[in-house]
Each structure stands twice: as C-alpha cells, then as structure tokens.
Amino acid sequence: MGTAPDYPSFDDIIGAPQDRIADMILELQTKRQFSTLVHDLNTHLLSGAPAQRDRARRALHSLGFVLT
C-alpha cells in the first residue's frame, strides 16, 4: 500500500495565506515535490469526483495557475 504524499494537502494550499504561497512553492521545489503535486492536482481536476475537481481547481488557482 502506498504512503500519503509528503506535500501540503489540497485544503492546506487553499487555506494558506497568499503571502505564504511563494515560500510554499519554493520549499516544494527544493524538495523536488512541486511537479508531483501539480500532477496530482491535474489528475484530480481532470478525473476526480466533483468535490475533488473543485478542490484541485481551487488549489491550482491558489498556486497561481490560470484555468481556462
């Protein structure tokens, strides 16, 4: 069985203050986890249940990604 990812939860990202997001991204990049997080967010956005899609969309928006 897999282990939980070692990055902030989608809800942690959504709830993070905007002035903390840049530091969060830098920390994730340093740990080489940012691309894994974005991949997981995209997977949930494209094929998750409606609640998962909404949380993934909101987390990506919080990280500065523009969704069209």
PDB file of N, CA and C in Angstrom:
ATOM      1  N   MET A   1       0.836  -1.179   0.000  1.00  0.00           N
ATOM      2  CA  MET A   1       0.000   0.000   0.000  1.00  0.00           C
ATOM      3  C   MET A   1       0.881   1.241   0.000  1.00  0.00           C
ATOM      4  N   GLY A   2       0.497   2.267  -0.747  1.00  0.00           N
ATOM      5  CA  GLY A   2       1.273   3.497  -0.851  1.00  0.00           C
ATOM      6  C   GLY A   2       1.169   4.340   0.405  1.00  0.00           C
ATOM      7  N   THR A   3       2.063   5.271   0.499  1.00  0.00           N
ATOM      8  CA  THR A   3       2.032   6.187   1.631  1.00  0.00           C
ATOM      9  C   THR A   3       1.462   7.518   1.177  1.00  0.00           C
ATOM     10  N   ALA A   4       1.041   8.299   2.145  1.00  0.00           N
ATOM     11  CA  ALA A   4       0.496   9.625   1.841  1.00  0.00           C
ATOM     12  C   ALA A   4       1.613  10.498   1.284  1.00  0.00           C
ATOM     13  N   PRO A   5       1.278  11.379   0.347  1.00  0.00           N
ATOM     14  CA  PRO A   5       2.310  12.269  -0.215  1.00  0.00           C
ATOM     15  C   PRO A   5       2.879  13.182   0.861  1.00  0.00           C
ATOM     16  N   ASP A   6       4.127  13.548   0.667  1.00  0.00           N
ATOM     17  CA  ASP A   6       4.824  14.400   1.631  1.00  0.00           C
ATOM     18  C   ASP A   6       4.786  15.857   1.178  1.00  0.00           C
ATOM     19  N   TYR A   7       3.612  16.324   0.838  1.00  0.00           N
ATOM     20  CA  TYR A   7       3.424  17.727   0.499  1.00  0.00           C
ATOM     21  C   TYR A   7       2.108  18.187   1.098  1.00  0.00           C
ATOM     22  N   PRO A   8       1.864  19.502   1.140  1.00  0.00           N
ATOM     23  CA  PRO A   8       0.642  20.003   1.772  1.00  0.00           C
ATOM     24  C   PRO A   8      -0.613  19.431   1.102  1.00  0.00           C
ATOM     25  N   SER A   9      -1.646  19.246   1.909  1.00  0.00           N
ATOM     26  CA  SER A   9      -2.914  18.785   1.352  1.00  0.00           C
ATOM     27  C   SER A   9      -3.511  19.888   0.481  1.00  0.00           C
ATOM     28  N   PHE A  10      -4.423  19.500  -0.377  1.00  0.00           N
ATOM     29  CA  PHE A  10      -5.094  20.478  -1.225  1.00  0.00           C
ATOM     30  C   PHE A  10      -5.757  21.538  -0.358  1.00  0.00           C
ATOM     31  N   ASP A  11      -6.366  21.121   0.747  1.00  0.00           N
ATOM     32  CA  ASP A  11      -7.025  22.076   1.639  1.00  0.00           C
ATOM     33  C   ASP A  11      -6.023  23.004   2.318  1.00  0.00           C
ATOM     34  N   ASP A  12      -4.822  22.484   2.630  1.00  0.00           N
ATOM     35  CA  ASP A  12      -3.774  23.344   3.205  1.00  0.00           C
ATOM     36  C   ASP A  12      -3.387  24.436   2.210  1.00  0.00           C
ATOM     37  N   ILE A  13      -3.297  24.064   0.941  1.00  0.00           N
ATOM     38  CA  ILE A  13      -2.935  25.041  -0.094  1.00  0.00           C
ATOM     39  C   ILE A  13      -4.040  26.079  -0.239  1.00  0.00           C
ATOM     40  N   ILE A  14      -5.285  25.613  -0.298  1.00  0.00           N
ATOM     41  CA  ILE A  14      -6.427  26.520  -0.456  1.00  0.00           C
ATOM     42  C   ILE A  14      -6.502  27.489   0.717  1.00  0.00           C
ATOM     43  N   GLY A  15      -6.221  27.001   1.917  1.00  0.00           N
ATOM     44  CA  GLY A  15      -6.350  27.819   3.115  1.00  0.00           C
ATOM     45  C   GLY A  15      -5.124  28.647   3.461  1.00  0.00           C
ATOM     46  N   ALA A  16      -4.042  28.462   2.712  1.00  0.00           N
ATOM     47  CA  ALA A  16      -2.811  29.190   3.024  1.00  0.00           C
ATOM     48  C   ALA A  16      -2.962  30.670   2.685  1.00  0.00           C
ATOM     49  N   PRO A  17      -2.417  31.536   3.528  1.00  0.00           N
ATOM     50  CA  PRO A  17      -2.427  32.963   3.197  1.00  0.00           C
ATOM     51  C   PRO A  17      -1.630  33.210   1.916  1.00  0.00           C
ATOM     52  N   GLN A  18      -2.096  34.131   1.109  1.00  0.00           N
ATOM     53  CA  GLN A  18      -1.431  34.424  -0.171  1.00  0.00           C
ATOM     54  C   GLN A  18       0.038  34.769   0.005  1.00  0.00           C
ATOM     55  N   ASP A  19       0.398  35.410   1.103  1.00  0.00           N
ATOM     56  CA  ASP A  19       1.795  35.781   1.297  1.00  0.00           C
ATOM     57  C   ASP A  19       2.672  34.583   1.680  1.00  0.00           C
ATOM     58  N   ARG A  20       2.077  33.434   1.885  1.00  0.00           N
ATOM     59  CA  ARG A  20       2.815  32.209   2.214  1.00  0.00           C
ATOM     60  C   ARG A  20       3.020  31.307   0.981  1.00  0.00           C
ATOM     61  N   ILE A  21       2.269  31.540  -0.082  1.00  0.00           N
ATOM     62  CA  ILE A  21       2.272  30.655  -1.247  1.00  0.00           C
ATOM     63  C   ILE A  21       3.650  30.592  -1.913  1.00  0.00           C
ATOM     64  N   ALA A  22       4.303  31.716  -2.106  1.00  0.00           N
ATOM     65  CA  ALA A  22       5.623  31.715  -2.764  1.00  0.00           C
ATOM     66  C   ALA A  22       6.618  30.878  -1.972  1.00  0.00           C
ATOM     67  N   ASP A  23       6.621  31.006  -0.654  1.00  0.00           N
ATOM     68  CA  ASP A  23       7.522  30.200   0.178  1.00  0.00           C
ATOM     69  C   ASP A  23       7.167  28.723   0.092  1.00  0.00           C
ATOM     70  N   MET A  24       5.865  28.423   0.040  1.00  0.00           N
ATOM     71  CA  MET A  24       5.418  27.042  -0.078  1.00  0.00           C
ATOM     72  C   MET A  24       5.917  26.427  -1.385  1.00  0.00           C
ATOM     73  N   ILE A  25       5.797  27.181  -2.479  1.00  0.00           N
ATOM     74  CA  ILE A  25       6.254  26.695  -3.784  1.00  0.00           C
ATOM     75  C   ILE A  25       7.767  26.483  -3.769  1.00  0.00           C
ATOM     76  N   LEU A  26       8.507  27.440  -3.224  1.00  0.00           N
ATOM     77  CA  LEU A  26       9.963  27.320  -3.149  1.00  0.00           C
ATOM     78  C   LEU A  26      10.367  26.087  -2.348  1.00  0.00           C
ATOM     79  N   GLU A  27       9.714  25.861  -1.232  1.00  0.00           N
ATOM     80  CA  GLU A  27      10.017  24.693  -0.406  1.00  0.00           C
ATOM     81  C   GLU A  27       9.726  23.394  -1.168  1.00  0.00           C
ATOM     82  N   LEU A  28       8.592  23.356  -1.856  1.00  0.00           N
ATOM     83  CA  LEU A  28       8.241  22.166  -2.640  1.00  0.00           C
ATOM     84  C   LEU A  28       9.238  21.938  -3.779  1.00  0.00           C
ATOM     85  N   GLN A  29       9.679  23.004  -4.418  1.00  0.00           N
ATOM     86  CA  GLN A  29      10.678  22.870  -5.488  1.00  0.00           C
ATOM     87  C   GLN A  29      12.000  22.361  -4.925  1.00  0.00           C
ATOM     88  N   THR A  30      12.396  22.876  -3.778  1.00  0.00           N
ATOM     89  CA  THR A  30      13.635  22.448  -3.142  1.00  0.00           C
ATOM     90  C   THR A  30      13.591  20.957  -2.812  1.00  0.00           C
ATOM     91  N   LYS A  31      12.431  20.489  -2.368  1.00  0.00           N
ATOM     92  CA  LYS A  31      12.257  19.069  -2.040  1.00  0.00           C
ATOM     93  C   LYS A  31      11.940  18.222  -3.273  1.00  0.00           C
ATOM     94  N   ARG A  32      11.875  18.877  -4.430  1.00  0.00           N
ATOM     95  CA  ARG A  32      11.558  18.210  -5.697  1.00  0.00           C
ATOM     96  C   ARG A  32      10.175  17.546  -5.646  1.00  0.00           C
ATOM     97  N   GLN A  33       9.210  18.252  -5.042  1.00  0.00           N
ATOM     98  CA  GLN A  33       7.859  17.726  -4.900  1.00  0.00           C
ATOM     99  C   GLN A  33       6.820  18.565  -5.641  1.00  0.00           C
ATOM    100  N   PHE A  34       7.227  19.710  -6.172  1.00  0.00           N
ATOM    101  CA  PHE A  34       6.253  20.610  -6.780  1.00  0.00           C
ATOM    102  C   PHE A  34       5.597  19.988  -8.000  1.00  0.00           C
ATOM    103  N   SER A  35       6.384  19.383  -8.877  1.00  0.00           N
ATOM    104  CA  SER A  35       5.798  18.810 -10.088  1.00  0.00           C
ATOM    105  C   SER A  35       4.875  17.637  -9.754  1.00  0.00           C
ATOM    106  N   THR A  36       5.209  16.862  -8.726  1.00  0.00           N
ATOM    107  CA  THR A  36       4.335  15.763  -8.297  1.00  0.00           C
ATOM    108  C   THR A  36       3.013  16.306  -7.783  1.00  0.00           C
ATOM    109  N   LEU A  37       3.081  17.373  -7.005  1.00  0.00           N
ATOM    110  CA  LEU A  37       1.860  17.992  -6.501  1.00  0.00           C
ATOM    111  C   LEU A  37       0.996  18.496  -7.648  1.00  0.00           C
ATOM    112  N   VAL A  38       1.588  19.209  -8.586  1.00  0.00           N
ATOM    113  CA  VAL A  38       0.823  19.748  -9.717  1.00  0.00           C
ATOM    114  C   VAL A  38       0.244  18.607 -10.549  1.00  0.00           C
ATOM    115  N   HIS A  39       0.999  17.541 -10.736  1.00  0.00           N
ATOM    116  CA  HIS A  39       0.492  16.365 -11.451  1.00  0.00           C
ATOM    117  C   HIS A  39      -0.745  15.806 -10.744  1.00  0.00           C
ATOM    118  N   ASP A  40      -0.645  15.641  -9.428  1.00  0.00           N
ATOM    119  CA  ASP A  40      -1.778  15.108  -8.669  1.00  0.00           C
ATOM    120  C   ASP A  40      -2.988  16.045  -8.732  1.00  0.00           C
ATOM    121  N   LEU A  41      -2.737  17.342  -8.649  1.00  0.00           N
ATOM    122  CA  LEU A  41      -3.840  18.297  -8.768  1.00  0.00           C
ATOM    123  C   LEU A  41      -4.505  18.194 -10.137  1.00  0.00           C
ATOM    124  N   ASN A  42      -3.701  18.093 -11.190  1.00  0.00           N
ATOM    125  CA  ASN A  42      -4.259  17.959 -12.535  1.00  0.00           C
ATOM    126  C   ASN A  42      -5.039  16.666 -12.692  1.00  0.00           C
ATOM    127  N   THR A  43      -4.547  15.571 -12.122  1.00  0.00           N
ATOM    128  CA  THR A  43      -5.256  14.297 -12.191  1.00  0.00           C
ATOM    129  C   THR A  43      -6.626  14.415 -11.535  1.00  0.00           C
ATOM    130  N   HIS A  44      -6.670  15.024 -10.363  1.00  0.00           N
ATOM    131  CA  HIS A  44      -7.952  15.213  -9.671  1.00  0.00           C
ATOM    132  C   HIS A  44      -8.861  16.166 -10.442  1.00  0.00           C
ATOM    133  N   LEU A  45      -8.267  17.183 -11.036  1.00  0.00           N
ATOM    134  CA  LEU A  45      -9.054  18.152 -11.800  1.00  0.00           C
ATOM    135  C   LEU A  45      -9.707  17.490 -13.014  1.00  0.00           C
ATOM    136  N   LEU A  46      -8.984  16.604 -13.667  1.00  0.00           N
ATOM    137  CA  LEU A  46      -9.471  16.005 -14.903  1.00  0.00           C
ATOM    138  C   LEU A  46     -10.328  14.764 -14.693  1.00  0.00           C
ATOM    139  N   SER A  47     -10.095  14.022 -13.612  1.00  0.00           N
ATOM    140  CA  SER A  47     -10.814  12.754 -13.498  1.00  0.00           C
ATOM    141  C   SER A  47     -11.331  12.440 -12.098  1.00  0.00           C
ATOM    142  N   GLY A  48     -11.296  13.402 -11.214  1.00  0.00           N
ATOM    143  CA  GLY A  48     -11.780  13.164  -9.864  1.00  0.00           C
ATOM    144  C   GLY A  48     -13.282  13.334  -9.762  1.00  0.00           C
ATOM    145  N   ALA A  49     -13.791  13.005  -8.595  1.00  0.00           N
ATOM    146  CA  ALA A  49     -15.195  13.255  -8.287  1.00  0.00           C
ATOM    147  C   ALA A  49     -15.410  14.770  -8.257  1.00  0.00           C
ATOM    148  N   PRO A  50     -16.652  15.219  -8.379  1.00  0.00           N
ATOM    149  CA  PRO A  50     -16.901  16.676  -8.419  1.00  0.00           C
ATOM    150  C   PRO A  50     -16.249  17.451  -7.267  1.00  0.00           C
ATOM    151  N   ALA A  51     -16.307  16.941  -6.058  1.00  0.00           N
ATOM    152  CA  ALA A  51     -15.701  17.652  -4.921  1.00  0.00           C
ATOM    153  C   ALA A  51     -14.179  17.697  -5.068  1.00  0.00           C
ATOM    154  N   GLN A  52     -13.579  16.604  -5.556  1.00  0.00           N
ATOM    155  CA  GLN A  52     -12.132  16.581  -5.779  1.00  0.00           C
ATOM    156  C   GLN A  52     -11.737  17.557  -6.875  1.00  0.00           C
ATOM    157  N   ARG A  53     -12.524  17.606  -7.938  1.00  0.00           N
ATOM    158  CA  ARG A  53     -12.229  18.536  -9.034  1.00  0.00           C
ATOM    159  C   ARG A  53     -12.265  19.972  -8.527  1.00  0.00           C
ATOM    160  N   ASP A  54     -13.259  20.294  -7.704  1.00  0.00           N
ATOM    161  CA  ASP A  54     -13.373  21.655  -7.185  1.00  0.00           C
ATOM    162  C   ASP A  54     -12.186  22.007  -6.296  1.00  0.00           C
ATOM    163  N   ARG A  55     -11.798  21.109  -5.394  1.00  0.00           N
ATOM    164  CA  ARG A  55     -10.660  21.371  -4.506  1.00  0.00           C
ATOM    165  C   ARG A  55      -9.369  21.500  -5.305  1.00  0.00           C
ATOM    166  N   ALA A  56      -9.189  20.650  -6.323  1.00  0.00           N
ATOM    167  CA  ALA A  56      -7.987  20.723  -7.152  1.00  0.00           C
ATOM    168  C   ALA A  56      -7.948  22.044  -7.918  1.00  0.00           C
ATOM    169  N   ARG A  57      -9.086  22.452  -8.469  1.00  0.00           N
ATOM    170  CA  ARG A  57      -9.160  23.722  -9.204  1.00  0.00           C
ATOM    171  C   ARG A  57      -8.797  24.886  -8.282  1.00  0.00           C
ATOM    172  N   ARG A  58      -9.358  24.873  -7.084  1.00  0.00           N
ATOM    173  CA  ARG A  58      -9.096  25.956  -6.133  1.00  0.00           C
ATOM    174  C   ARG A  58      -7.637  25.962  -5.686  1.00  0.00           C
ATOM    175  N   ALA A  59      -7.049  24.778  -5.488  1.00  0.00           N
ATOM    176  CA  ALA A  59      -5.646  24.700  -5.078  1.00  0.00           C
ATOM    177  C   ALA A  59      -4.740  25.206  -6.196  1.00  0.00           C
ATOM    178  N   LEU A  60      -5.009  24.801  -7.433  1.00  0.00           N
ATOM    179  CA  LEU A  60      -4.210  25.299  -8.559  1.00  0.00           C
ATOM    180  C   LEU A  60      -4.322  26.810  -8.673  1.00  0.00           C
ATOM    181  N   HIS A  61      -5.502  27.333  -8.494  1.00  0.00           N
ATOM    182  CA  HIS A  61      -5.694  28.791  -8.535  1.00  0.00           C
ATOM    183  C   HIS A  61      -4.884  29.460  -7.422  1.00  0.00           C
ATOM    184  N   SER A  62      -4.900  28.878  -6.236  1.00  0.00           N
ATOM    185  CA  SER A  62      -4.132  29.439  -5.122  1.00  0.00           C
ATOM    186  C   SER A  62      -2.631  29.448  -5.416  1.00  0.00           C
ATOM    187  N   LEU A  63      -2.180  28.454  -6.179  1.00  0.00           N
ATOM    188  CA  LEU A  63      -0.758  28.370  -6.535  1.00  0.00           C
ATOM    189  C   LEU A  63      -0.397  29.296  -7.686  1.00  0.00           C
ATOM    190  N   GLY A  64      -1.381  29.969  -8.256  1.00  0.00           N
ATOM    191  CA  GLY A  64      -1.117  30.956  -9.306  1.00  0.00           C
ATOM    192  C   GLY A  64      -1.365  30.462 -10.714  1.00  0.00           C
ATOM    193  N   PHE A  65      -1.898  29.260 -10.853  1.00  0.00           N
ATOM    194  CA  PHE A  65      -2.190  28.743 -12.195  1.00  0.00           C
ATOM    195  C   PHE A  65      -3.502  29.313 -12.671  1.00  0.00           C
ATOM    196  N   VAL A  66      -3.553  29.682 -13.939  1.00  0.00           N
ATOM    197  CA  VAL A  66      -4.756  30.217 -14.547  1.00  0.00           C
ATOM    198  C   VAL A  66      -5.475  29.078 -15.246  1.00  0.00           C
ATOM    199  N   LEU A  67      -6.718  28.885 -14.902  1.00  0.00           N
ATOM    200  CA  LEU A  67      -7.508  27.816 -15.512  1.00  0.00           C
ATOM    201  C   LEU A  67      -8.467  28.431 -16.520  1.00  0.00           C
ATOM    202  N   THR A  68      -8.527  27.818 -17.680  1.00  0.00           N
ATOM    203  CA  THR A  68      -9.439  28.323 -18.711  1.00  0.00           C
ATOM    204  C   THR A  68     -10.495  27.303 -19.024  1.00  0.00           C
TER     205      THR A  68
END
